[in-house]
Amino acid sequence: MPDGAEWAIVLLSLKIGGVAMLAALPVAYALAWVLARGRFPGKVLIDGIVHLPLVLPPVVTGWLLLLAFAPAGPVGRWLEAWFGVSVLFRWSGAAIAAAVMALPLMVRAIRLSIEGVDRRLESVARTLGASRARVFWSVTAPLSLPGVLAGMVLGFARALGEFGATITFVSNVPGETATLPLAIYSALQVPGGEASVVRLAVMSVALSLIALVVSEWLVRRGGRRVHVL
């Protein structure tokens, strides 16, 4: 059975994954809406930038985050000047790295969900006098909700498995940034750490599998709901 230190690693991973997913959600929805409904020059370029973390080596993403959030970087200098904080070597920095890596998957799932909403329903609501905001909250948002939830679950699962960008950006600090993947990596470097690796790996597989099953269920449920409507 996992010991107290290993359960602490799991709880830290859940905390970082949850914060990362919630932080990325509004950005993911806004980007998904723009990509699903927008018609403007440069849309393909924005789409490519959004999905860039999926194809870039995670170490490169972590390095770019380090440049941005370092004390001399543009974001890091602003955080230090206005709030007196730094995210380097902190769990908040690990959450930022995880959010960046999870964002493309969330955008993809939410975008597909928004594109799946029948625009004729929105047009009918508009002809009946509903404002754009009311159409969104009464038609678009409810119909796209299963896809949004699926995107949240996928983003959470991706955040749980984040390694390369995190270790490059905020290093591997026990109790602060050492999530499940980083803890497994550390245990592999220690003679006799195989038992800990097995326990942590089993918990990681279980959490990821649960997240994927829930995501698939939400997608299928959303598809049936739209079909019925």
Protein backbone atom coordinates (compact mmCIF):
# COMPACT_ATOMS: atom_id res chain seq x y z
CA MET A 1 0.00 0.00 0.00
CA PRO A 2 1.19 3.57 -0.67
CA ASP A 3 2.70 5.32 2.33
CA GLY A 4 1.94 8.82 3.60
CA ALA A 5 4.54 10.49 1.39
CA GLU A 6 3.12 8.83 -1.72
CA TRP A 7 -0.43 9.86 -0.85
CA ALA A 8 0.88 13.41 -0.39
CA ILE A 9 2.28 13.24 -3.93
CA VAL A 10 -1.11 12.13 -5.24
CA LEU A 11 -2.89 14.95 -3.41
CA LEU A 12 -0.37 17.48 -4.73
CA SER A 13 -0.88 16.16 -8.25
CA LEU A 14 -4.67 16.43 -7.91
CA LYS A 15 -4.32 19.97 -6.57
CA ILE A 16 -2.05 21.09 -9.40
CA GLY A 17 -4.16 19.32 -12.02
CA GLY A 18 -7.39 20.84 -10.71
CA VAL A 19 -5.99 24.37 -10.52
CA ALA A 20 -4.46 24.02 -13.99
CA MET A 21 -7.74 22.84 -15.49
CA LEU A 22 -9.80 25.60 -13.87
CA ALA A 23 -7.26 28.27 -14.84
CA ALA A 24 -7.21 27.10 -18.46
CA LEU A 25 -10.99 26.74 -18.79
CA PRO A 26 -12.01 30.37 -19.51
CA VAL A 27 -9.11 30.81 -21.93
CA ALA A 28 -9.93 27.50 -23.62
CA TYR A 29 -13.60 28.38 -24.02
CA ALA A 30 -12.84 31.82 -25.43
CA LEU A 31 -10.36 30.39 -27.93
CA ALA A 32 -12.73 27.55 -28.85
CA TRP A 33 -15.54 30.04 -29.48
CA VAL A 34 -13.33 32.22 -31.68
CA LEU A 35 -12.08 29.23 -33.67
CA ALA A 36 -15.55 27.67 -33.98
CA ARG A 37 -17.53 30.78 -34.94
CA GLY A 38 -14.97 33.34 -36.05
CA ARG A 39 -14.28 34.24 -39.66
CA PHE A 40 -11.20 36.41 -39.92
CA PRO A 41 -7.73 36.52 -41.53
CA GLY A 42 -5.10 34.68 -39.53
CA LYS A 43 -7.49 32.15 -38.03
CA VAL A 44 -5.31 29.26 -39.20
CA LEU A 45 -2.28 30.86 -37.57
CA ILE A 46 -4.09 31.26 -34.24
CA ASP A 47 -5.27 27.66 -34.48
CA GLY A 48 -1.68 26.56 -35.03
CA ILE A 49 -0.37 28.57 -32.08
CA VAL A 50 -3.07 27.17 -29.79
CA HIS A 51 -2.15 23.60 -30.68
CA LEU A 52 1.61 24.19 -30.73
CA PRO A 53 2.22 22.63 -27.27
CA LEU A 54 0.94 19.32 -28.68
CA VAL A 55 3.80 19.09 -31.19
CA LEU A 56 6.57 21.07 -29.50
CA PRO A 57 8.93 19.12 -27.26
CA PRO A 58 7.62 19.78 -23.73
CA VAL A 59 11.12 20.89 -22.72
CA VAL A 60 10.88 23.73 -25.22
CA THR A 61 7.53 24.79 -23.78
CA GLY A 62 9.02 24.74 -20.29
CA TRP A 63 12.00 26.78 -21.47
CA LEU A 64 9.71 29.39 -23.01
CA LEU A 65 7.74 29.57 -19.75
CA LEU A 66 11.02 29.99 -17.87
CA LEU A 67 11.99 32.90 -20.12
CA ALA A 68 8.59 34.53 -19.57
CA PHE A 69 8.28 33.99 -15.81
CA ALA A 70 11.91 34.39 -14.75
CA PRO A 71 12.62 37.48 -12.61
CA ALA A 72 14.00 39.25 -15.68
CA GLY A 73 11.21 38.01 -17.96
CA PRO A 74 8.22 40.14 -18.93
CA VAL A 75 5.64 38.25 -16.88
CA GLY A 76 7.95 37.45 -13.98
CA ARG A 77 9.05 41.07 -13.67
CA TRP A 78 5.41 42.20 -13.64
CA LEU A 79 4.42 39.66 -10.98
CA GLU A 80 7.34 40.70 -8.81
CA ALA A 81 6.65 44.42 -9.20
CA TRP A 82 2.89 44.28 -8.60
CA PHE A 83 2.41 41.33 -6.27
CA GLY A 84 5.87 40.53 -4.94
CA VAL A 85 5.57 36.87 -5.92
CA SER A 86 7.42 34.41 -8.09
CA VAL A 87 6.09 31.13 -9.48
CA LEU A 88 9.52 29.56 -9.98
CA PHE A 89 10.02 26.39 -7.91
CA ARG A 90 6.45 26.74 -6.63
CA TRP A 91 3.37 24.56 -7.10
CA SER A 92 1.69 27.52 -8.81
CA GLY A 93 4.38 27.39 -11.49
CA ALA A 94 3.73 23.68 -11.96
CA ALA A 95 0.04 24.49 -12.39
CA ILE A 96 0.89 27.07 -15.06
CA ALA A 97 3.00 24.55 -16.98
CA ALA A 98 0.24 21.94 -16.72
CA ALA A 99 -2.39 24.46 -17.85
CA VAL A 100 -0.38 25.39 -20.93
CA MET A 101 0.07 21.75 -21.89
CA ALA A 102 -3.61 20.93 -21.24
CA LEU A 103 -4.99 23.94 -23.10
CA PRO A 104 -4.91 22.47 -26.66
CA LEU A 105 -6.89 19.38 -25.66
CA MET A 106 -9.47 21.50 -23.88
CA VAL A 107 -9.81 23.88 -26.82
CA ARG A 108 -10.22 20.97 -29.23
CA ALA A 109 -12.97 19.27 -27.23
CA ILE A 110 -14.87 22.51 -26.54
CA ARG A 111 -14.56 23.68 -30.14
CA LEU A 112 -16.02 20.46 -31.48
CA SER A 113 -18.86 20.77 -29.01
CA ILE A 114 -19.65 24.34 -30.05
CA GLU A 115 -19.46 23.42 -33.73
CA GLY A 116 -21.92 20.59 -33.03
CA VAL A 117 -24.61 23.00 -31.86
CA ASP A 118 -27.22 23.47 -34.62
CA ARG A 119 -26.99 27.12 -35.58
CA ARG A 120 -30.60 27.00 -36.78
CA LEU A 121 -31.66 26.74 -33.15
CA GLU A 122 -29.73 29.90 -32.40
CA SER A 123 -31.26 31.64 -35.42
CA VAL A 124 -34.77 30.69 -34.29
CA ALA A 125 -34.08 32.08 -30.83
CA ARG A 126 -32.82 35.31 -32.38
CA THR A 127 -35.93 35.67 -34.54
CA LEU A 128 -38.06 35.30 -31.41
CA GLY A 129 -36.36 38.36 -29.97
CA ALA A 130 -33.68 36.83 -27.76
CA SER A 131 -30.47 38.81 -27.39
CA ARG A 132 -27.13 37.30 -28.32
CA ALA A 133 -26.30 36.85 -24.64
CA ARG A 134 -29.60 35.08 -23.96
CA VAL A 135 -29.15 32.84 -27.00
CA PHE A 136 -25.73 31.88 -25.71
CA TRP A 137 -26.87 31.09 -22.16
CA SER A 138 -30.14 29.41 -23.10
CA VAL A 139 -29.16 27.54 -26.30
CA THR A 140 -25.43 27.36 -27.04
CA ALA A 141 -24.06 26.88 -23.54
CA PRO A 142 -26.45 24.06 -22.48
CA LEU A 143 -26.00 22.15 -25.74
CA SER A 144 -22.22 22.46 -25.67
CA LEU A 145 -21.93 21.65 -21.95
CA PRO A 146 -21.12 17.91 -22.33
CA GLY A 147 -18.21 18.79 -24.61
CA VAL A 148 -17.03 21.44 -22.16
CA LEU A 149 -17.11 18.92 -19.33
CA ALA A 150 -15.29 16.38 -21.48
CA GLY A 151 -12.65 19.00 -22.28
CA MET A 152 -12.25 19.75 -18.58
CA VAL A 153 -11.72 16.08 -17.78
CA LEU A 154 -9.23 15.66 -20.62
CA GLY A 155 -7.39 18.78 -19.53
CA PHE A 156 -7.26 17.50 -15.96
CA ALA A 157 -5.91 14.13 -17.13
CA ARG A 158 -3.26 15.84 -19.28
CA ALA A 159 -2.26 18.05 -16.36
CA LEU A 160 -1.82 14.98 -14.16
CA GLY A 161 0.59 13.47 -16.67
CA GLU A 162 2.64 16.59 -17.36
CA PHE A 163 6.40 16.10 -16.97
CA GLY A 164 8.74 17.78 -19.44
CA ALA A 165 7.53 21.37 -19.24
CA THR A 166 7.15 21.18 -15.46
CA ILE A 167 10.63 19.89 -14.67
CA THR A 168 12.18 22.44 -17.05
CA PHE A 169 10.16 25.36 -15.71
CA VAL A 170 9.95 24.77 -11.95
CA SER A 171 12.31 21.83 -11.39
CA ASN A 172 11.55 18.79 -9.21
CA VAL A 173 11.03 20.09 -5.67
CA PRO A 174 9.67 17.46 -3.23
CA GLY A 175 6.44 18.60 -1.62
CA GLU A 176 6.14 21.61 -3.95
CA THR A 177 6.39 20.65 -7.62
CA ALA A 178 7.05 16.88 -7.43
CA THR A 179 3.86 15.56 -9.02
CA LEU A 180 3.29 11.88 -9.89
CA PRO A 181 5.39 11.85 -13.09
CA LEU A 182 8.27 13.68 -11.44
CA ALA A 183 8.09 11.50 -8.34
CA ILE A 184 8.18 8.37 -10.51
CA TYR A 185 11.22 9.73 -12.33
CA SER A 186 12.96 10.45 -9.01
CA ALA A 187 12.16 7.00 -7.66
CA LEU A 188 13.67 5.42 -10.77
CA GLN A 189 16.99 7.10 -9.98
CA VAL A 190 17.15 5.64 -6.45
CA PRO A 191 18.43 2.09 -5.91
CA GLY A 192 15.62 -0.02 -4.49
CA GLY A 193 12.94 2.46 -5.53
CA GLU A 194 11.13 -0.02 -7.78
CA ALA A 195 8.37 -0.71 -5.27
CA SER A 196 7.57 2.99 -4.98
CA VAL A 197 7.62 3.30 -8.78
CA VAL A 198 5.08 0.48 -9.08
CA ARG A 199 2.72 2.02 -6.53
CA LEU A 200 2.93 5.52 -8.01
CA ALA A 201 2.57 4.18 -11.55
CA VAL A 202 -0.53 2.16 -10.61
CA MET A 203 -2.14 5.24 -9.07
CA SER A 204 -1.22 7.31 -12.12
CA VAL A 205 -2.70 4.76 -14.52
CA ALA A 206 -5.86 4.48 -12.41
CA LEU A 207 -6.42 8.25 -12.30
CA SER A 208 -5.77 8.67 -16.03
CA LEU A 209 -8.02 5.75 -16.95
CA ILE A 210 -10.87 7.10 -14.83
CA ALA A 211 -10.51 10.52 -16.46
CA LEU A 212 -10.56 9.04 -19.98
CA VAL A 213 -13.61 6.88 -19.24
CA VAL A 214 -15.50 9.85 -17.80
CA SER A 215 -14.53 12.00 -20.78
CA GLU A 216 -15.74 9.37 -23.27
CA TRP A 217 -19.00 8.98 -21.36
CA LEU A 218 -19.59 12.72 -21.44
CA VAL A 219 -18.92 12.89 -25.19
CA ARG A 220 -21.30 10.01 -25.92
CA ARG A 221 -23.95 11.48 -23.62
CA GLY A 222 -23.63 14.84 -25.34
CA GLY A 223 -23.93 13.24 -28.77
CA ARG A 224 -27.14 11.44 -27.80
CA ARG A 225 -28.55 14.65 -26.34
CA VAL A 226 -27.93 16.66 -29.49
CA HIS A 227 -29.34 13.85 -31.63
CA VAL A 228 -32.57 13.80 -29.61
CA LEU A 229 -32.93 17.57 -29.82
